[in-house]
């Protein structure tokens, strides 16, 4: 419950920071846009690295599952 309130407060601050000073905001719109322009390449490279790690772990898991399945089939054949 507390985290929901924190999330709402952070979103409210973001909106307050971006709106114009006529509406008693901070008028950080240009600063936010500059930050996003600079941060997007870093974010995309970070997400790309994470995707590579997840993909390699998924391939590894599939290989291990296939090996386990083959071992089960082999042990069942040996028992018969």
PDB file of N, CA and C in Angstrom:
ATOM      1  N   UNK A   1       0.821  -1.186   0.000  1.00  0.00           N
ATOM      2  CA  UNK A   1       0.000   0.000   0.000  1.00  0.00           C
ATOM      3  C   UNK A   1       0.870   1.256   0.000  1.00  0.00           C
ATOM      4  N   UNK A   2       1.919   1.221   0.797  1.00  0.00           N
ATOM      5  CA  UNK A   2       2.820   2.363   0.877  1.00  0.00           C
ATOM      6  C   UNK A   2       3.475   2.632  -0.478  1.00  0.00           C
ATOM      7  N   UNK A   3       3.855   1.566  -1.183  1.00  0.00           N
ATOM      8  CA  UNK A   3       4.520   1.742  -2.469  1.00  0.00           C
ATOM      9  C   UNK A   3       3.589   2.362  -3.504  1.00  0.00           C
ATOM     10  N   UNK A   4       2.303   2.082  -3.411  1.00  0.00           N
ATOM     11  CA  UNK A   4       1.342   2.706  -4.325  1.00  0.00           C
ATOM     12  C   UNK A   4       1.316   4.212  -4.107  1.00  0.00           C
ATOM     13  N   UNK A   5       1.307   4.632  -2.848  1.00  0.00           N
ATOM     14  CA  UNK A   5       1.317   6.062  -2.543  1.00  0.00           C
ATOM     15  C   UNK A   5       2.607   6.722  -3.013  1.00  0.00           C
ATOM     16  N   UNK A   6       3.721   6.049  -2.831  1.00  0.00           N
ATOM     17  CA  UNK A   6       4.997   6.586  -3.299  1.00  0.00           C
ATOM     18  C   UNK A   6       4.978   6.717  -4.818  1.00  0.00           C
ATOM     19  N   UNK A   7       4.468   5.710  -5.504  1.00  0.00           N
ATOM     20  CA  UNK A   7       4.373   5.764  -6.960  1.00  0.00           C
ATOM     21  C   UNK A   7       3.503   6.910  -7.438  1.00  0.00           C
ATOM     22  N   UNK A   8       2.371   7.097  -6.802  1.00  0.00           N
ATOM     23  CA  UNK A   8       1.472   8.195  -7.163  1.00  0.00           C
ATOM     24  C   UNK A   8       2.140   9.537  -6.901  1.00  0.00           C
ATOM     25  N   UNK A   9       2.844   9.655  -5.781  1.00  0.00           N
ATOM     26  CA  UNK A   9       3.532  10.904  -5.460  1.00  0.00           C
ATOM     27  C   UNK A   9       4.626  11.205  -6.483  1.00  0.00           C
ATOM     28  N   UNK A  10       5.364  10.188  -6.913  1.00  0.00           N
ATOM     29  CA  UNK A  10       6.411  10.401  -7.903  1.00  0.00           C
ATOM     30  C   UNK A  10       5.837  10.800  -9.262  1.00  0.00           C
ATOM     31  N   UNK A  11       4.744  10.183  -9.644  1.00  0.00           N
ATOM     32  CA  UNK A  11       4.101  10.566 -10.905  1.00  0.00           C
ATOM     33  C   UNK A  11       3.559  11.989 -10.810  1.00  0.00           C
ATOM     34  N   UNK A  12       2.974  12.339  -9.677  1.00  0.00           N
ATOM     35  CA  UNK A  12       2.460  13.698  -9.483  1.00  0.00           C
ATOM     36  C   UNK A  12       3.603  14.711  -9.546  1.00  0.00           C
ATOM     37  N   UNK A  13       4.751  14.397  -8.956  1.00  0.00           N
ATOM     38  CA  UNK A  13       5.891  15.301  -9.026  1.00  0.00           C
ATOM     39  C   UNK A  13       6.381  15.456 -10.459  1.00  0.00           C
ATOM     40  N   UNK A  14       6.380  14.361 -11.218  1.00  0.00           N
ATOM     41  CA  UNK A  14       6.813  14.415 -12.616  1.00  0.00           C
ATOM     42  C   UNK A  14       5.915  15.356 -13.409  1.00  0.00           C
ATOM     43  N   UNK A  15       4.613  15.220 -13.224  1.00  0.00           N
ATOM     44  CA  UNK A  15       3.678  16.101 -13.922  1.00  0.00           C
ATOM     45  C   UNK A  15       3.885  17.540 -13.474  1.00  0.00           C
ATOM     46  N   UNK A  16       4.057  17.755 -12.182  1.00  0.00           N
ATOM     47  CA  UNK A  16       4.273  19.097 -11.641  1.00  0.00           C
ATOM     48  C   UNK A  16       5.557  19.708 -12.196  1.00  0.00           C
ATOM     49  N   UNK A  17       6.597  18.899 -12.353  1.00  0.00           N
ATOM     50  CA  UNK A  17       7.876  19.410 -12.840  1.00  0.00           C
ATOM     51  C   UNK A  17       7.808  19.788 -14.315  1.00  0.00           C
ATOM     52  N   UNK A  18       6.946  19.134 -15.072  1.00  0.00           N
ATOM     53  CA  UNK A  18       6.900  19.372 -16.506  1.00  0.00           C
ATOM     54  C   UNK A  18       5.956  20.519 -16.883  1.00  0.00           C
ATOM     55  N   UNK A  19       4.901  20.753 -16.106  1.00  0.00           N
ATOM     56  CA  UNK A  19       3.924  21.765 -16.501  1.00  0.00           C
ATOM     57  C   UNK A  19       4.528  23.163 -16.423  1.00  0.00           C
ATOM     58  N   UNK A  20       3.899  24.072 -17.125  1.00  0.00           N
ATOM     59  CA  UNK A  20       4.428  25.430 -17.252  1.00  0.00           C
ATOM     60  C   UNK A  20       4.292  26.225 -15.956  1.00  0.00           C
ATOM     61  N   UNK A  21       5.109  27.274 -15.822  1.00  0.00           N
ATOM     62  CA  UNK A  21       5.052  28.085 -14.598  1.00  0.00           C
ATOM     63  C   UNK A  21       3.726  28.832 -14.434  1.00  0.00           C
ATOM     64  N   UNK A  22       2.995  29.043 -15.539  1.00  0.00           N
ATOM     65  CA  UNK A  22       1.691  29.692 -15.415  1.00  0.00           C
ATOM     66  C   UNK A  22       0.741  28.858 -14.563  1.00  0.00           C
ATOM     67  N   UNK A  23       0.967  27.554 -14.567  1.00  0.00           N
ATOM     68  CA  UNK A  23       0.146  26.657 -13.757  1.00  0.00           C
ATOM     69  C   UNK A  23       0.864  26.296 -12.448  1.00  0.00           C
ATOM     70  N   UNK A  24       1.822  27.116 -12.061  1.00  0.00           N
ATOM     71  CA  UNK A  24       2.613  26.959 -10.842  1.00  0.00           C
ATOM     72  C   UNK A  24       3.465  25.699 -10.863  1.00  0.00           C
ATOM     73  N   UNK A  25       3.944  25.338 -12.030  1.00  0.00           N
ATOM     74  CA  UNK A  25       4.832  24.184 -12.163  1.00  0.00           C
ATOM     75  C   UNK A  25       6.280  24.630 -12.221  1.00  0.00           C
ATOM     76  N   UNK A  26       7.179  23.680 -12.422  1.00  0.00           N
ATOM     77  CA  UNK A  26       8.608  23.983 -12.454  1.00  0.00           C
ATOM     78  C   UNK A  26       9.136  24.254 -13.867  1.00  0.00           C
ATOM     79  N   UNK A  27       8.364  23.931 -14.883  1.00  0.00           N
ATOM     80  CA  UNK A  27       8.716  24.161 -16.285  1.00  0.00           C
ATOM     81  C   UNK A  27      10.027  23.470 -16.655  1.00  0.00           C
ATOM     82  N   UNK A  28      10.185  22.242 -16.287  1.00  0.00           N
ATOM     83  CA  UNK A  28      11.388  21.473 -16.611  1.00  0.00           C
ATOM     84  C   UNK A  28      11.228  20.681 -17.907  1.00  0.00           C
ATOM     85  N   UNK A  29      10.250  21.025 -18.704  1.00  0.00           N
ATOM     86  CA  UNK A  29       9.941  20.246 -19.904  1.00  0.00           C
ATOM     87  C   UNK A  29      11.169  20.096 -20.810  1.00  0.00           C
ATOM     88  N   UNK A  30      11.847  21.186 -21.095  1.00  0.00           N
ATOM     89  CA  UNK A  30      13.033  21.125 -21.968  1.00  0.00           C
ATOM     90  C   UNK A  30      14.144  20.292 -21.331  1.00  0.00           C
ATOM     91  N   UNK A  31      14.337  20.440 -20.026  1.00  0.00           N
ATOM     92  CA  UNK A  31      15.368  19.654 -19.331  1.00  0.00           C
ATOM     93  C   UNK A  31      15.039  18.167 -19.370  1.00  0.00           C
ATOM     94  N   UNK A  32      13.767  17.843 -19.203  1.00  0.00           N
ATOM     95  CA  UNK A  32      13.346  16.442 -19.240  1.00  0.00           C
ATOM     96  C   UNK A  32      13.568  15.873 -20.634  1.00  0.00           C
ATOM     97  N   UNK A  33      13.250  16.641 -21.665  1.00  0.00           N
ATOM     98  CA  UNK A  33      13.456  16.182 -23.040  1.00  0.00           C
ATOM     99  C   UNK A  33      14.943  15.969 -23.317  1.00  0.00           C
ATOM    100  N   UNK A  34      15.791  16.876 -22.872  1.00  0.00           N
ATOM    101  CA  UNK A  34      17.239  16.715 -23.057  1.00  0.00           C
ATOM    102  C   UNK A  34      17.746  15.473 -22.320  1.00  0.00           C
ATOM    103  N   UNK A  35      17.260  15.263 -21.124  1.00  0.00           N
ATOM    104  CA  UNK A  35      17.659  14.078 -20.363  1.00  0.00           C
ATOM    105  C   UNK A  35      17.254  12.809 -21.098  1.00  0.00           C
ATOM    106  N   UNK A  36      16.011  12.776 -21.587  1.00  0.00           N
ATOM    107  CA  UNK A  36      15.549  11.586 -22.298  1.00  0.00           C
ATOM    108  C   UNK A  36      16.345  11.338 -23.568  1.00  0.00           C
ATOM    109  N   UNK A  37      16.691  12.391 -24.287  1.00  0.00           N
ATOM    110  CA  UNK A  37      17.500  12.244 -25.494  1.00  0.00           C
ATOM    111  C   UNK A  37      18.867  11.660 -25.162  1.00  0.00           C
ATOM    112  N   UNK A  38      19.436  12.045 -24.060  1.00  0.00           N
ATOM    113  CA  UNK A  38      20.739  11.519 -23.664  1.00  0.00           C
ATOM    114  C   UNK A  38      20.668  10.143 -23.029  1.00  0.00           C
ATOM    115  N   UNK A  39      19.564   9.857 -22.384  1.00  0.00           N
ATOM    116  CA  UNK A  39      19.445   8.611 -21.636  1.00  0.00           C
ATOM    117  C   UNK A  39      18.970   7.447 -22.489  1.00  0.00           C
ATOM    118  N   UNK A  40      18.235   7.715 -23.562  1.00  0.00           N
ATOM    119  CA  UNK A  40      17.680   6.628 -24.376  1.00  0.00           C
ATOM    120  C   UNK A  40      18.746   5.701 -24.965  1.00  0.00           C
ATOM    121  N   UNK A  41      19.877   6.200 -25.484  1.00  0.00           N
ATOM    122  CA  UNK A  41      20.897   5.259 -25.965  1.00  0.00           C
ATOM    123  C   UNK A  41      21.464   4.383 -24.851  1.00  0.00           C
ATOM    124  N   UNK A  42      21.641   4.950 -23.693  1.00  0.00           N
ATOM    125  CA  UNK A  42      22.138   4.168 -22.554  1.00  0.00           C
ATOM    126  C   UNK A  42      21.106   3.123 -22.151  1.00  0.00           C
ATOM    127  N   UNK A  43      19.857   3.523 -22.091  1.00  0.00           N
ATOM    128  CA  UNK A  43      18.783   2.598 -21.740  1.00  0.00           C
ATOM    129  C   UNK A  43      18.660   1.474 -22.761  1.00  0.00           C
ATOM    130  N   UNK A  44      18.722   1.819 -24.043  1.00  0.00           N
ATOM    131  CA  UNK A  44      18.584   0.778 -25.067  1.00  0.00           C
ATOM    132  C   UNK A  44      19.756  -0.191 -25.039  1.00  0.00           C
ATOM    133  N   UNK A  45      20.959   0.278 -24.781  1.00  0.00           N
ATOM    134  CA  UNK A  45      22.094  -0.654 -24.686  1.00  0.00           C
ATOM    135  C   UNK A  45      21.963  -1.536 -23.454  1.00  0.00           C
ATOM    136  N   UNK A  46      21.507  -0.978 -22.348  1.00  0.00           N
ATOM    137  CA  UNK A  46      21.295  -1.760 -21.134  1.00  0.00           C
ATOM    138  C   UNK A  46      20.236  -2.831 -21.355  1.00  0.00           C
ATOM    139  N   UNK A  47      19.129  -2.458 -21.986  1.00  0.00           N
ATOM    140  CA  UNK A  47      18.072  -3.425 -22.260  1.00  0.00           C
ATOM    141  C   UNK A  47      18.539  -4.483 -23.254  1.00  0.00           C
ATOM    142  N   UNK A  48      19.381  -4.089 -24.207  1.00  0.00           N
ATOM    143  CA  UNK A  48      19.941  -5.061 -25.144  1.00  0.00           C
ATOM    144  C   UNK A  48      20.811  -6.090 -24.450  1.00  0.00           C
ATOM    145  N   UNK A  49      21.633  -5.642 -23.513  1.00  0.00           N
ATOM    146  CA  UNK A  49      22.482  -6.565 -22.741  1.00  0.00           C
ATOM    147  C   UNK A  49      21.618  -7.519 -21.921  1.00  0.00           C
ATOM    148  N   UNK A  50      20.586  -6.989 -21.294  1.00  0.00           N
ATOM    149  CA  UNK A  50      19.681  -7.838 -20.512  1.00  0.00           C
ATOM    150  C   UNK A  50      19.001  -8.861 -21.408  1.00  0.00           C
ATOM    151  N   UNK A  51      18.574  -8.439 -22.608  1.00  0.00           N
ATOM    152  CA  UNK A  51      17.920  -9.359 -23.538  1.00  0.00           C
ATOM    153  C   UNK A  51      18.879 -10.476 -23.957  1.00  0.00           C
ATOM    154  N   UNK A  52      20.147 -10.144 -24.171  1.00  0.00           N
ATOM    155  CA  UNK A  52      21.141 -11.161 -24.529  1.00  0.00           C
ATOM    156  C   UNK A  52      21.300 -12.167 -23.391  1.00  0.00           C
ATOM    157  N   UNK A  53      21.398 -11.686 -22.164  1.00  0.00           N
ATOM    158  CA  UNK A  53      21.532 -12.589 -21.013  1.00  0.00           C
ATOM    159  C   UNK A  53      20.307 -13.482 -20.859  1.00  0.00           C
ATOM    160  N   UNK A  54      19.132 -12.909 -21.013  1.00  0.00           N
ATOM    161  CA  UNK A  54      17.903 -13.705 -20.890  1.00  0.00           C
ATOM    162  C   UNK A  54      17.830 -14.740 -22.002  1.00  0.00           C
ATOM    163  N   UNK A  55      18.171 -14.332 -23.208  1.00  0.00           N
ATOM    164  CA  UNK A  55      18.143 -15.265 -24.332  1.00  0.00           C
ATOM    165  C   UNK A  55      19.117 -16.407 -24.162  1.00  0.00           C
ATOM    166  N   UNK A  56      20.330 -16.109 -23.711  1.00  0.00           N
ATOM    167  CA  UNK A  56      21.318 -17.179 -23.511  1.00  0.00           C
ATOM    168  C   UNK A  56      20.893 -18.108 -22.372  1.00  0.00           C
ATOM    169  N   UNK A  57      20.300 -17.566 -21.325  1.00  0.00           N
ATOM    170  CA  UNK A  57      19.814 -18.407 -20.225  1.00  0.00           C
ATOM    171  C   UNK A  57      18.658 -19.285 -20.698  1.00  0.00           C
ATOM    172  N   UNK A  58      17.814 -18.748 -21.562  1.00  0.00           N
ATOM    173  CA  UNK A  58      16.697 -19.529 -22.098  1.00  0.00           C
ATOM    174  C   UNK A  58      17.207 -20.687 -22.958  1.00  0.00           C
ATOM    175  N   UNK A  59      18.204 -20.421 -23.789  1.00  0.00           N
ATOM    176  CA  UNK A  59      18.789 -21.482 -24.611  1.00  0.00           C
ATOM    177  C   UNK A  59      19.415 -22.555 -23.725  1.00  0.00           C
ATOM    178  N   UNK A  60      20.110 -22.131 -22.690  1.00  0.00           N
ATOM    179  CA  UNK A  60      20.737 -23.073 -21.760  1.00  0.00           C
ATOM    180  C   UNK A  60      19.682 -23.934 -21.064  1.00  0.00           C
ATOM    181  N   UNK A  61      18.598 -23.307 -20.628  1.00  0.00           N
ATOM    182  CA  UNK A  61      17.521 -24.047 -19.964  1.00  0.00           C
ATOM    183  C   UNK A  61      16.882 -25.066 -20.903  1.00  0.00           C
ATOM    184  N   UNK A  62      16.679 -24.677 -22.154  1.00  0.00           N
ATOM    185  CA  UNK A  62      16.094 -25.609 -23.117  1.00  0.00           C
ATOM    186  C   UNK A  62      17.012 -26.797 -23.359  1.00  0.00           C
ATOM    187  N   UNK A  63      18.312 -26.545 -23.440  1.00  0.00           N
ATOM    188  CA  UNK A  63      19.268 -27.646 -23.618  1.00  0.00           C
ATOM    189  C   UNK A  63      19.233 -28.599 -22.426  1.00  0.00           C
ATOM    190  N   UNK A  64      19.221 -28.034 -21.218  1.00  0.00           N
ATOM    191  CA  UNK A  64      19.193 -28.865 -20.011  1.00  0.00           C
ATOM    192  C   UNK A  64      17.891 -29.668 -19.934  1.00  0.00           C
ATOM    193  N   UNK A  65      16.775 -29.050 -20.306  1.00  0.00           N
ATOM    194  CA  UNK A  65      15.493 -29.762 -20.280  1.00  0.00           C
ATOM    195  C   UNK A  65      15.504 -30.899 -21.293  1.00  0.00           C
ATOM    196  N   UNK A  66      16.088 -30.654 -22.456  1.00  0.00           N
ATOM    197  CA  UNK A  66      16.158 -31.697 -23.478  1.00  0.00           C
ATOM    198  C   UNK A  66      17.044 -32.849 -23.015  1.00  0.00           C
ATOM    199  N   UNK A  67      18.172 -32.523 -22.382  1.00  0.00           N
ATOM    200  CA  UNK A  67      19.056 -33.567 -21.836  1.00  0.00           C
ATOM    201  C   UNK A  67      18.335 -34.392 -20.778  1.00  0.00           C
ATOM    202  N   UNK A  68      17.631 -33.721 -19.884  1.00  0.00           N
ATOM    203  CA  UNK A  68      16.907 -34.426 -18.825  1.00  0.00           C
ATOM    204  C   UNK A  68      15.830 -35.323 -19.430  1.00  0.00           C
ATOM    205  N   UNK A  69      15.165 -34.836 -20.453  1.00  0.00           N
ATOM    206  CA  UNK A  69      14.135 -35.625 -21.111  1.00  0.00           C
ATOM    207  C   UNK A  69      14.740 -36.862 -21.775  1.00  0.00           C
ATOM    208  N   UNK A  70      15.879 -36.687 -22.419  1.00  0.00           N
ATOM    209  CA  UNK A  70      16.550 -37.822 -23.050  1.00  0.00           C
ATOM    210  C   UNK A  70      17.028 -38.840 -22.017  1.00  0.00           C
ATOM    211  N   UNK A  71      17.523 -38.350 -20.870  1.00  0.00           N
ATOM    212  CA  UNK A  71      17.964 -39.249 -19.806  1.00  0.00           C
ATOM    213  C   UNK A  71      16.786 -40.041 -19.235  1.00  0.00           C
ATOM    214  N   UNK A  72      15.640 -39.403 -19.097  1.00  0.00           N
ATOM    215  CA  UNK A  72      14.449 -40.088 -18.599  1.00  0.00           C
ATOM    216  C   UNK A  72      14.017 -41.173 -19.583  1.00  0.00           C
ATOM    217  N   UNK A  73      13.999 -40.825 -20.861  1.00  0.00           N
ATOM    218  CA  UNK A  73      13.634 -41.812 -21.879  1.00  0.00           C
ATOM    219  C   UNK A  73      14.619 -42.978 -21.887  1.00  0.00           C
ATOM    220  N   UNK A  74      15.907 -42.666 -21.740  1.00  0.00           N
ATOM    221  CA  UNK A  74      16.949 -43.704 -21.734  1.00  0.00           C
ATOM    222  C   UNK A  74      16.786 -44.619 -20.527  1.00  0.00           C
ATOM    223  N   UNK A  75      16.510 -44.029 -19.362  1.00  0.00           N
ATOM    224  CA  UNK A  75      16.340 -44.858 -18.148  1.00  0.00           C
ATOM    225  C   UNK A  75      15.065 -45.701 -18.236  1.00  0.00           C
ATOM    226  N   UNK A  76      14.017 -45.165 -18.871  1.00  0.00           N
ATOM    227  CA  UNK A  76      12.789 -45.955 -19.050  1.00  0.00           C
ATOM    228  C   UNK A  76      13.024 -47.134 -19.981  1.00  0.00           C
ATOM    229  N   UNK A  77      13.826 -46.932 -21.020  1.00  0.00           N
ATOM    230  CA  UNK A  77      14.131 -48.021 -21.949  1.00  0.00           C
ATOM    231  C   UNK A  77      14.962 -49.096 -21.267  1.00  0.00           C
ATOM    232  N   UNK A  78      15.882 -48.688 -20.397  1.00  0.00           N
ATOM    233  CA  UNK A  78      16.732 -49.624 -19.677  1.00  0.00           C
ATOM    234  C   UNK A  78      15.934 -50.455 -18.675  1.00  0.00           C
ATOM    235  N   UNK A  79      14.902 -49.843 -18.093  1.00  0.00           N
ATOM    236  CA  UNK A  79      14.082 -50.567 -17.120  1.00  0.00           C
ATOM    237  C   UNK A  79      13.192 -51.610 -17.780  1.00  0.00           C
ATOM    238  N   UNK A  80      12.886 -51.436 -19.032  1.00  0.00           N
ATOM    239  CA  UNK A  80      12.013 -52.401 -19.734  1.00  0.00           C
ATOM    240  C   UNK A  80      12.802 -53.526 -20.173  1.00  0.00           C
TER     241      UNK A  80
END
